[in-house]
Amino acid sequence: MNIRPIIDNDIQDITKIYTDNWKKTYQNILPDSFLKSMTYEHSKEKWLSYIHTNKQGAFVAVDENDMIIGFAAYKPYNDLKNCLLLDSLHILQSVQGGGIGKKLILTIGKYAYDNGYGKMSICIVKGNDRAEGVYTHLGAKHYKDFIDDFEGTPSNSSVLLWDDLKMFILR
């Protein structure tokens, strides 16, 4: 497995992973009507715009056949000074649990450190216990709870925070 910065040609693959993961992960957490309204086309537009916005980007994980098996996106977290937000992390369902997410988190953490950020955060939807377990296992601590808004759909969410990025360069 290799991790590299995203390119435009990757958008189709990450769109599918992103949309399919949302529909599975947030089943029984977010309203069915919201999840059913998610389309590949809408996700494709979102991600093309995202990666071409200043100070935002993503890394993709590719297997030995150069197939994208996961991705992690980042942007500045405006609620805290000098903090990068791990904005999205999605792994192809068939390879989840194999350490790919951890490698992508470590990659974003190292990117944050190398680019002068002092902290890194991630927002999670309450009820996504598996994700929360991964992040806390890697050292993230609860920072605050808030109501997130997914295109008009409110969600009870939390912000987790890594306040020492040195751990990402020591691994």
N, C-alpha and C. Protein backbone atom coordinates (compact mmCIF):
# COMPACT_ATOMS: atom_id res chain seq x y z
N MET A 1 0.84 -1.18 0.00
CA MET A 1 0.00 0.00 0.00
C MET A 1 0.89 1.24 0.00
N ASN A 2 0.42 2.24 -0.73
CA ASN A 2 1.15 3.51 -0.84
C ASN A 2 0.16 4.64 -0.56
N ILE A 3 0.65 5.72 0.03
CA ILE A 3 -0.17 6.91 0.25
C ILE A 3 0.45 8.07 -0.52
N ARG A 4 -0.41 8.79 -1.24
CA ARG A 4 0.07 9.92 -2.05
C ARG A 4 -0.97 11.02 -2.05
N PRO A 5 -0.56 12.24 -2.43
CA PRO A 5 -1.55 13.33 -2.55
C PRO A 5 -2.58 13.01 -3.64
N ILE A 6 -3.78 13.50 -3.44
CA ILE A 6 -4.87 13.28 -4.39
C ILE A 6 -4.63 14.07 -5.68
N ILE A 7 -5.12 13.52 -6.78
CA ILE A 7 -5.14 14.23 -8.07
C ILE A 7 -6.57 14.18 -8.61
N ASP A 8 -6.86 15.02 -9.58
CA ASP A 8 -8.22 15.10 -10.13
C ASP A 8 -8.75 13.74 -10.61
N ASN A 9 -7.87 12.92 -11.19
CA ASN A 9 -8.31 11.63 -11.71
C ASN A 9 -8.79 10.68 -10.62
N ASP A 10 -8.50 10.99 -9.35
CA ASP A 10 -8.91 10.15 -8.22
C ASP A 10 -10.35 10.42 -7.78
N ILE A 11 -10.95 11.50 -8.26
CA ILE A 11 -12.24 11.96 -7.74
C ILE A 11 -13.33 10.90 -7.89
N GLN A 12 -13.38 10.24 -9.03
CA GLN A 12 -14.44 9.24 -9.25
C GLN A 12 -14.37 8.14 -8.19
N ASP A 13 -13.17 7.65 -7.90
CA ASP A 13 -13.01 6.57 -6.93
C ASP A 13 -13.34 7.03 -5.51
N ILE A 14 -12.87 8.22 -5.12
CA ILE A 14 -13.16 8.64 -3.74
C ILE A 14 -14.64 9.00 -3.57
N THR A 15 -15.26 9.46 -4.66
CA THR A 15 -16.70 9.75 -4.63
C THR A 15 -17.49 8.50 -4.27
N LYS A 16 -17.15 7.39 -4.88
CA LYS A 16 -17.86 6.13 -4.61
C LYS A 16 -17.60 5.68 -3.17
N ILE A 17 -16.35 5.69 -2.74
CA ILE A 17 -16.02 5.28 -1.37
C ILE A 17 -16.76 6.16 -0.36
N TYR A 18 -16.70 7.46 -0.56
CA TYR A 18 -17.32 8.42 0.34
C TYR A 18 -18.83 8.20 0.44
N THR A 19 -19.50 8.16 -0.70
CA THR A 19 -20.96 8.04 -0.71
C THR A 19 -21.40 6.70 -0.12
N ASP A 20 -20.76 5.62 -0.55
CA ASP A 20 -21.13 4.30 -0.04
C ASP A 20 -20.88 4.20 1.48
N ASN A 21 -19.78 4.75 1.95
CA ASN A 21 -19.47 4.69 3.38
C ASN A 21 -20.48 5.49 4.21
N TRP A 22 -20.84 6.66 3.74
CA TRP A 22 -21.83 7.45 4.47
C TRP A 22 -23.13 6.66 4.60
N LYS A 23 -23.56 6.07 3.51
CA LYS A 23 -24.85 5.36 3.52
C LYS A 23 -24.82 4.16 4.47
N LYS A 24 -23.66 3.54 4.64
CA LYS A 24 -23.55 2.38 5.54
C LYS A 24 -23.24 2.81 6.98
N THR A 25 -22.25 3.66 7.15
CA THR A 25 -21.80 4.05 8.48
C THR A 25 -22.88 4.77 9.27
N TYR A 26 -23.61 5.64 8.60
CA TYR A 26 -24.56 6.50 9.33
C TYR A 26 -26.01 5.99 9.26
N GLN A 27 -26.19 4.76 8.78
CA GLN A 27 -27.50 4.12 8.82
C GLN A 27 -27.90 3.99 10.29
N ASN A 28 -29.09 4.37 10.63
CA ASN A 28 -29.61 4.37 12.00
C ASN A 28 -28.98 5.44 12.90
N ILE A 29 -28.15 6.32 12.33
CA ILE A 29 -27.59 7.45 13.07
C ILE A 29 -28.15 8.76 12.50
N LEU A 30 -28.12 8.88 11.17
CA LEU A 30 -28.68 10.04 10.48
C LEU A 30 -29.96 9.60 9.77
N PRO A 31 -30.86 10.54 9.48
CA PRO A 31 -32.13 10.18 8.84
C PRO A 31 -31.95 9.49 7.48
N ASP A 32 -32.76 8.46 7.24
CA ASP A 32 -32.72 7.75 5.96
C ASP A 32 -32.92 8.69 4.78
N SER A 33 -33.79 9.68 4.96
CA SER A 33 -34.07 10.61 3.86
C SER A 33 -32.80 11.35 3.44
N PHE A 34 -31.97 11.72 4.41
CA PHE A 34 -30.71 12.41 4.09
C PHE A 34 -29.77 11.45 3.36
N LEU A 35 -29.61 10.25 3.89
CA LEU A 35 -28.69 9.30 3.29
C LEU A 35 -29.12 8.90 1.88
N LYS A 36 -30.42 8.72 1.67
CA LYS A 36 -30.92 8.36 0.34
C LYS A 36 -30.72 9.49 -0.66
N SER A 37 -30.65 10.73 -0.17
CA SER A 37 -30.47 11.88 -1.07
C SER A 37 -29.02 12.04 -1.54
N MET A 38 -28.11 11.33 -0.92
CA MET A 38 -26.70 11.42 -1.33
C MET A 38 -26.51 10.70 -2.67
N THR A 39 -25.90 11.42 -3.62
CA THR A 39 -25.66 10.82 -4.93
C THR A 39 -24.17 10.92 -5.26
N TYR A 40 -23.73 10.03 -6.15
CA TYR A 40 -22.34 10.08 -6.61
C TYR A 40 -22.05 11.42 -7.28
N GLU A 41 -22.99 11.91 -8.08
CA GLU A 41 -22.77 13.16 -8.81
C GLU A 41 -22.57 14.33 -7.85
N HIS A 42 -23.41 14.42 -6.83
CA HIS A 42 -23.29 15.50 -5.83
C HIS A 42 -21.96 15.38 -5.08
N SER A 43 -21.59 14.16 -4.71
CA SER A 43 -20.32 13.95 -4.00
C SER A 43 -19.13 14.30 -4.89
N LYS A 44 -19.23 13.97 -6.17
CA LYS A 44 -18.14 14.29 -7.10
C LYS A 44 -17.93 15.80 -7.18
N GLU A 45 -19.01 16.56 -7.30
CA GLU A 45 -18.91 18.02 -7.34
C GLU A 45 -18.29 18.54 -6.04
N LYS A 46 -18.74 18.00 -4.90
CA LYS A 46 -18.23 18.41 -3.60
C LYS A 46 -16.71 18.21 -3.53
N TRP A 47 -16.23 17.03 -3.91
CA TRP A 47 -14.81 16.72 -3.76
C TRP A 47 -13.94 17.45 -4.78
N LEU A 48 -14.43 17.65 -5.98
CA LEU A 48 -13.65 18.44 -6.95
C LEU A 48 -13.46 19.86 -6.43
N SER A 49 -14.52 20.45 -5.92
CA SER A 49 -14.44 21.79 -5.35
C SER A 49 -13.52 21.80 -4.13
N TYR A 50 -13.67 20.81 -3.29
CA TYR A 50 -12.90 20.73 -2.04
C TYR A 50 -11.40 20.76 -2.30
N ILE A 51 -10.93 19.88 -3.17
CA ILE A 51 -9.48 19.77 -3.35
C ILE A 51 -8.88 20.97 -4.10
N HIS A 52 -9.74 21.78 -4.71
CA HIS A 52 -9.24 22.97 -5.41
C HIS A 52 -9.45 24.25 -4.60
N THR A 53 -9.80 24.10 -3.32
CA THR A 53 -9.94 25.25 -2.43
C THR A 53 -8.62 25.44 -1.69
N ASN A 54 -8.18 26.68 -1.58
CA ASN A 54 -6.91 26.99 -0.93
C ASN A 54 -6.82 26.38 0.47
N LYS A 55 -5.68 25.81 0.78
CA LYS A 55 -5.35 25.22 2.09
C LYS A 55 -6.12 23.95 2.40
N GLN A 56 -6.79 23.38 1.42
CA GLN A 56 -7.51 22.12 1.58
C GLN A 56 -6.88 21.09 0.66
N GLY A 57 -7.01 19.84 1.04
CA GLY A 57 -6.48 18.78 0.19
C GLY A 57 -6.81 17.43 0.74
N ALA A 58 -6.18 16.40 0.16
CA ALA A 58 -6.43 15.04 0.60
C ALA A 58 -5.26 14.16 0.18
N PHE A 59 -5.17 13.04 0.86
CA PHE A 59 -4.25 11.97 0.49
C PHE A 59 -5.08 10.73 0.20
N VAL A 60 -4.60 9.92 -0.74
CA VAL A 60 -5.27 8.67 -1.05
C VAL A 60 -4.34 7.50 -0.74
N ALA A 61 -4.94 6.40 -0.32
CA ALA A 61 -4.22 5.15 -0.14
C ALA A 61 -4.51 4.29 -1.36
N VAL A 62 -3.46 3.75 -1.97
CA VAL A 62 -3.63 2.89 -3.15
C VAL A 62 -2.99 1.53 -2.88
N ASP A 63 -3.60 0.49 -3.43
CA ASP A 63 -3.06 -0.85 -3.25
C ASP A 63 -2.00 -1.13 -4.31
N GLU A 64 -1.51 -2.38 -4.33
CA GLU A 64 -0.44 -2.76 -5.25
C GLU A 64 -0.86 -2.66 -6.72
N ASN A 65 -2.16 -2.61 -6.99
CA ASN A 65 -2.66 -2.45 -8.37
C ASN A 65 -3.00 -0.99 -8.69
N ASP A 66 -2.59 -0.08 -7.82
CA ASP A 66 -2.85 1.35 -7.94
C ASP A 66 -4.34 1.68 -7.85
N MET A 67 -5.10 0.81 -7.18
CA MET A 67 -6.53 1.06 -6.94
C MET A 67 -6.67 1.83 -5.63
N ILE A 68 -7.50 2.88 -5.65
CA ILE A 68 -7.71 3.67 -4.44
C ILE A 68 -8.55 2.86 -3.46
N ILE A 69 -8.04 2.72 -2.23
CA ILE A 69 -8.72 1.93 -1.21
C ILE A 69 -9.11 2.78 0.00
N GLY A 70 -8.77 4.07 -0.04
CA GLY A 70 -9.15 4.97 1.05
C GLY A 70 -8.61 6.36 0.81
N PHE A 71 -9.13 7.31 1.60
CA PHE A 71 -8.63 8.68 1.50
C PHE A 71 -8.89 9.43 2.80
N ALA A 72 -8.11 10.47 2.98
CA ALA A 72 -8.28 11.37 4.13
C ALA A 72 -8.12 12.80 3.63
N ALA A 73 -9.05 13.66 4.03
CA ALA A 73 -9.05 15.06 3.59
C ALA A 73 -8.76 15.97 4.77
N TYR A 74 -8.23 17.15 4.48
CA TYR A 74 -7.86 18.10 5.53
C TYR A 74 -8.14 19.54 5.10
N LYS A 75 -8.32 20.39 6.11
CA LYS A 75 -8.42 21.83 5.91
C LYS A 75 -8.17 22.49 7.26
N PRO A 76 -7.91 23.79 7.29
CA PRO A 76 -7.73 24.46 8.57
C PRO A 76 -9.01 24.38 9.40
N TYR A 77 -8.85 24.21 10.71
CA TYR A 77 -9.98 24.21 11.64
C TYR A 77 -10.06 25.61 12.23
N ASN A 78 -11.06 26.36 11.82
CA ASN A 78 -11.12 27.78 12.15
C ASN A 78 -11.49 28.08 13.60
N ASP A 79 -12.01 27.08 14.34
CA ASP A 79 -12.39 27.33 15.73
C ASP A 79 -11.19 27.40 16.67
N LEU A 80 -10.06 26.87 16.24
CA LEU A 80 -8.84 26.90 17.05
C LEU A 80 -7.69 27.44 16.21
N LYS A 81 -6.90 28.27 16.83
CA LYS A 81 -5.74 28.83 16.14
C LYS A 81 -4.72 27.72 15.86
N ASN A 82 -4.15 27.74 14.66
CA ASN A 82 -3.05 26.86 14.31
C ASN A 82 -3.44 25.38 14.39
N CYS A 83 -4.66 25.07 13.94
CA CYS A 83 -5.16 23.69 14.03
C CYS A 83 -5.64 23.22 12.65
N LEU A 84 -5.21 22.03 12.28
CA LEU A 84 -5.66 21.42 11.02
C LEU A 84 -6.77 20.42 11.34
N LEU A 85 -7.83 20.46 10.54
CA LEU A 85 -8.95 19.55 10.70
C LEU A 85 -8.77 18.35 9.78
N LEU A 86 -8.75 17.16 10.36
CA LEU A 86 -8.86 15.93 9.58
C LEU A 86 -10.33 15.84 9.22
N ASP A 87 -10.67 16.31 8.05
CA ASP A 87 -12.05 16.62 7.68
C ASP A 87 -12.84 15.41 7.23
N SER A 88 -12.18 14.39 6.75
CA SER A 88 -12.88 13.23 6.22
C SER A 88 -11.90 12.08 6.15
N LEU A 89 -12.35 10.90 6.56
CA LEU A 89 -11.53 9.69 6.47
C LEU A 89 -12.44 8.55 6.07
N HIS A 90 -12.18 7.96 4.93
CA HIS A 90 -13.02 6.87 4.43
C HIS A 90 -12.16 5.79 3.80
N ILE A 91 -12.46 4.56 4.19
CA ILE A 91 -11.74 3.39 3.69
C ILE A 91 -12.74 2.50 2.96
N LEU A 92 -12.33 1.94 1.83
CA LEU A 92 -13.16 1.00 1.10
C LEU A 92 -13.63 -0.08 2.07
N GLN A 93 -14.92 -0.35 2.08
CA GLN A 93 -15.49 -1.26 3.09
C GLN A 93 -14.84 -2.63 3.11
N SER A 94 -14.44 -3.15 1.96
CA SER A 94 -13.88 -4.50 1.89
C SER A 94 -12.49 -4.61 2.53
N VAL A 95 -11.83 -3.49 2.79
CA VAL A 95 -10.49 -3.54 3.39
C VAL A 95 -10.42 -2.81 4.73
N GLN A 96 -11.57 -2.44 5.29
CA GLN A 96 -11.57 -1.78 6.59
C GLN A 96 -11.02 -2.72 7.65
N GLY A 97 -10.33 -2.14 8.63
CA GLY A 97 -9.76 -2.92 9.72
C GLY A 97 -8.35 -3.40 9.45
N GLY A 98 -7.79 -3.02 8.32
CA GLY A 98 -6.44 -3.47 7.96
C GLY A 98 -5.34 -2.46 8.23
N GLY A 99 -5.64 -1.38 8.94
CA GLY A 99 -4.62 -0.40 9.28
C GLY A 99 -4.48 0.75 8.29
N ILE A 100 -5.29 0.76 7.25
CA ILE A 100 -5.20 1.82 6.23
C ILE A 100 -5.61 3.16 6.83
N GLY A 101 -6.70 3.18 7.60
CA GLY A 101 -7.14 4.42 8.24
C GLY A 101 -6.07 4.99 9.15
N LYS A 102 -5.46 4.14 9.93
CA LYS A 102 -4.38 4.58 10.84
C LYS A 102 -3.25 5.23 10.05
N LYS A 103 -2.85 4.61 8.95
CA LYS A 103 -1.76 5.17 8.14
C LYS A 103 -2.15 6.52 7.55
N LEU A 104 -3.41 6.66 7.14
CA LEU A 104 -3.87 7.95 6.60
C LEU A 104 -3.91 9.02 7.70
N ILE A 105 -4.36 8.64 8.90
CA ILE A 105 -4.37 9.60 10.03
C ILE A 105 -2.96 10.05 10.34
N LEU A 106 -2.03 9.11 10.38
CA LEU A 106 -0.63 9.46 10.66
C LEU A 106 -0.06 10.36 9.56
N THR A 107 -0.46 10.11 8.32
CA THR A 107 -0.01 10.94 7.20
C THR A 107 -0.51 12.37 7.35
N ILE A 108 -1.79 12.54 7.69
CA ILE A 108 -2.34 13.89 7.87
C ILE A 108 -1.69 14.56 9.08
N GLY A 109 -1.47 13.82 10.15
CA GLY A 109 -0.81 14.38 11.33
C GLY A 109 0.60 14.87 11.01
N LYS A 110 1.33 14.07 10.24
CA LYS A 110 2.68 14.49 9.84
C LYS A 110 2.61 15.70 8.92
N TYR A 111 1.63 15.71 8.01
CA TYR A 111 1.43 16.87 7.13
C TYR A 111 1.18 18.11 7.98
N ALA A 112 0.32 18.00 8.99
CA ALA A 112 0.02 19.14 9.87
C ALA A 112 1.29 19.63 10.54
N TYR A 113 2.06 18.71 11.09
CA TYR A 113 3.30 19.07 11.78
C TYR A 113 4.27 19.74 10.80
N ASP A 114 4.48 19.13 9.64
CA ASP A 114 5.43 19.65 8.65
C ASP A 114 5.02 21.02 8.11
N ASN A 115 3.72 21.35 8.19
CA ASN A 115 3.24 22.62 7.68
C ASN A 115 2.97 23.65 8.78
N GLY A 116 3.54 23.42 9.95
CA GLY A 116 3.53 24.42 11.01
C GLY A 116 2.30 24.46 11.89
N TYR A 117 1.41 23.50 11.75
CA TYR A 117 0.25 23.46 12.64
C TYR A 117 0.68 22.93 14.01
N GLY A 118 0.00 23.38 15.04
CA GLY A 118 0.31 22.94 16.39
C GLY A 118 -0.64 21.88 16.92
N LYS A 119 -1.80 21.75 16.27
CA LYS A 119 -2.83 20.82 16.72
C LYS A 119 -3.54 20.23 15.50
N MET A 120 -4.24 19.12 15.75
CA MET A 120 -5.08 18.54 14.71
C MET A 120 -6.39 18.10 15.36
N SER A 121 -7.49 18.31 14.66
CA SER A 121 -8.80 17.95 15.19
C SER A 121 -9.54 17.09 14.19
N ILE A 122 -10.60 16.45 14.69
CA ILE A 122 -11.53 15.71 13.84
C ILE A 122 -12.91 15.83 14.45
N CYS A 123 -13.92 15.97 13.60
CA CYS A 123 -15.31 16.01 14.05
C CYS A 123 -15.92 14.64 13.78
N ILE A 124 -16.64 14.12 14.77
CA ILE A 124 -17.30 12.83 14.60
C ILE A 124 -18.77 12.95 14.96
N VAL A 125 -19.58 12.21 14.26
CA VAL A 125 -21.00 12.14 14.56
C VAL A 125 -21.17 11.19 15.74
N LYS A 126 -21.89 11.64 16.76
CA LYS A 126 -22.13 10.76 17.92
C LYS A 126 -22.87 9.51 17.44
N GLY A 127 -22.41 8.38 17.92
CA GLY A 127 -22.96 7.11 17.47
C GLY A 127 -22.00 6.37 16.56
N ASN A 128 -21.02 7.07 16.01
CA ASN A 128 -19.99 6.43 15.20
C ASN A 128 -18.86 5.99 16.14
N ASP A 129 -19.20 5.02 16.98
CA ASP A 129 -18.29 4.59 18.04
C ASP A 129 -17.01 3.96 17.53
N ARG A 130 -17.10 3.27 16.43
CA ARG A 130 -15.91 2.63 15.87
C ARG A 130 -14.85 3.67 15.51
N ALA A 131 -15.27 4.73 14.85
CA ALA A 131 -14.34 5.80 14.47
C ALA A 131 -13.78 6.47 15.72
N GLU A 132 -14.65 6.77 16.67
CA GLU A 132 -14.19 7.42 17.89
C GLU A 132 -13.13 6.57 18.59
N GLY A 133 -13.33 5.26 18.61
CA GLY A 133 -12.36 4.35 19.22
C GLY A 133 -11.00 4.40 18.53
N VAL A 134 -11.01 4.47 17.21
CA VAL A 134 -9.75 4.55 16.46
C VAL A 134 -9.01 5.84 16.81
N TYR A 135 -9.73 6.96 16.81
CA TYR A 135 -9.08 8.25 17.06
C TYR A 135 -8.55 8.35 18.48
N THR A 136 -9.33 7.91 19.45
CA THR A 136 -8.87 8.00 20.84
C THR A 136 -7.71 7.03 21.08
N HIS A 137 -7.74 5.88 20.42
CA HIS A 137 -6.61 4.94 20.53
C HIS A 137 -5.32 5.58 20.02
N LEU A 138 -5.45 6.45 19.03
CA LEU A 138 -4.28 7.14 18.47
C LEU A 138 -3.99 8.46 19.19
N GLY A 139 -4.63 8.71 20.33
CA GLY A 139 -4.26 9.84 21.17
C GLY A 139 -5.17 11.05 21.14
N ALA A 140 -6.24 11.04 20.35
CA ALA A 140 -7.15 12.19 20.32
C ALA A 140 -7.95 12.24 21.62
N LYS A 141 -8.19 13.45 22.08
CA LYS A 141 -8.97 13.66 23.31
C LYS A 141 -10.21 14.49 22.98
N HIS A 142 -11.28 14.25 23.76
CA HIS A 142 -12.51 15.01 23.57
C HIS A 142 -12.24 16.50 23.80
N TYR A 143 -12.70 17.33 22.88
CA TYR A 143 -12.53 18.78 23.00
C TYR A 143 -13.86 19.46 23.29
N LYS A 144 -14.89 19.15 22.47
CA LYS A 144 -16.21 19.75 22.70
C LYS A 144 -17.28 19.01 21.93
N ASP A 145 -18.52 19.19 22.36
CA ASP A 145 -19.69 18.69 21.64
C ASP A 145 -20.33 19.86 20.91
N PHE A 146 -21.00 19.58 19.81
CA PHE A 146 -21.68 20.62 19.05
C PHE A 146 -22.73 19.98 18.15
N ILE A 147 -23.59 20.80 17.59
CA ILE A 147 -24.57 20.34 16.60
C ILE A 147 -24.00 20.66 15.22
N ASP A 148 -23.71 19.62 14.47
CA ASP A 148 -23.21 19.78 13.11
C ASP A 148 -24.42 19.88 12.17
N ASP A 149 -24.19 20.39 10.99
CA ASP A 149 -25.27 20.54 10.03
C ASP A 149 -24.81 19.97 8.69
N PHE A 150 -25.43 18.88 8.28
CA PHE A 150 -25.13 18.27 6.99
C PHE A 150 -26.22 18.65 6.01
N GLU A 151 -25.99 19.76 5.33
CA GLU A 151 -26.92 20.25 4.30
C GLU A 151 -28.36 20.30 4.84
N GLY A 152 -28.51 20.88 6.02
CA GLY A 152 -29.83 21.05 6.61
C GLY A 152 -30.25 19.93 7.56
N THR A 153 -29.42 18.91 7.69
CA THR A 153 -29.70 17.80 8.61
C THR A 153 -28.81 17.96 9.84
N PRO A 154 -29.41 18.30 11.01
CA PRO A 154 -28.61 18.48 12.22
C PRO A 154 -28.14 17.14 12.78
N SER A 155 -26.97 17.18 13.44
CA SER A 155 -26.39 15.96 14.00
C SER A 155 -25.65 16.29 15.28
N ASN A 156 -25.87 15.50 16.32
CA ASN A 156 -25.07 15.61 17.53
C ASN A 156 -23.68 15.10 17.22
N SER A 157 -22.69 15.96 17.43
CA SER A 157 -21.32 15.63 17.04
C SER A 157 -20.35 16.05 18.13
N SER A 158 -19.12 15.58 17.99
CA SER A 158 -18.05 15.94 18.92
C SER A 158 -16.81 16.30 18.13
N VAL A 159 -15.98 17.14 18.73
CA VAL A 159 -14.66 17.43 18.20
C VAL A 159 -13.65 16.73 19.10
N LEU A 160 -12.77 15.97 18.47
CA LEU A 160 -11.64 15.37 19.17
C LEU A 160 -10.39 16.11 18.74
N LEU A 161 -9.39 16.15 19.63
CA LEU A 161 -8.22 16.99 19.39
C LEU A 161 -6.94 16.25 19.75
N TRP A 162 -5.98 16.36 18.85
CA TRP A 162 -4.60 15.99 19.16
C TRP A 162 -3.88 17.31 19.42
N ASP A 163 -3.43 17.53 20.63
CA ASP A 163 -2.80 18.83 20.93
C ASP A 163 -1.28 18.76 20.93
N ASP A 164 -0.71 17.62 20.58
CA ASP A 164 0.74 17.49 20.43
C ASP A 164 1.01 16.67 19.18
N LEU A 165 1.45 17.36 18.14
CA LEU A 165 1.65 16.67 16.86
C LEU A 165 2.97 15.91 16.78
N LYS A 166 3.82 16.06 17.78
CA LYS A 166 5.10 15.35 17.74
C LYS A 166 4.90 13.84 17.66
N MET A 167 3.79 13.37 18.23
CA MET A 167 3.53 11.91 18.18
C MET A 167 3.44 11.40 16.74
N PHE A 168 3.08 12.28 15.80
CA PHE A 168 2.93 11.86 14.41
C PHE A 168 4.28 11.72 13.70
N ILE A 169 5.32 12.35 14.21
CA ILE A 169 6.62 12.22 13.56
C ILE A 169 7.48 11.18 14.27
N LEU A 170 7.06 10.73 15.43
CA LEU A 170 7.82 9.75 16.19
C LEU A 170 7.43 8.31 15.84
N ARG A 171 6.41 8.15 15.01
CA ARG A 171 5.96 6.80 14.68
C ARG A 171 6.63 6.27 13.45
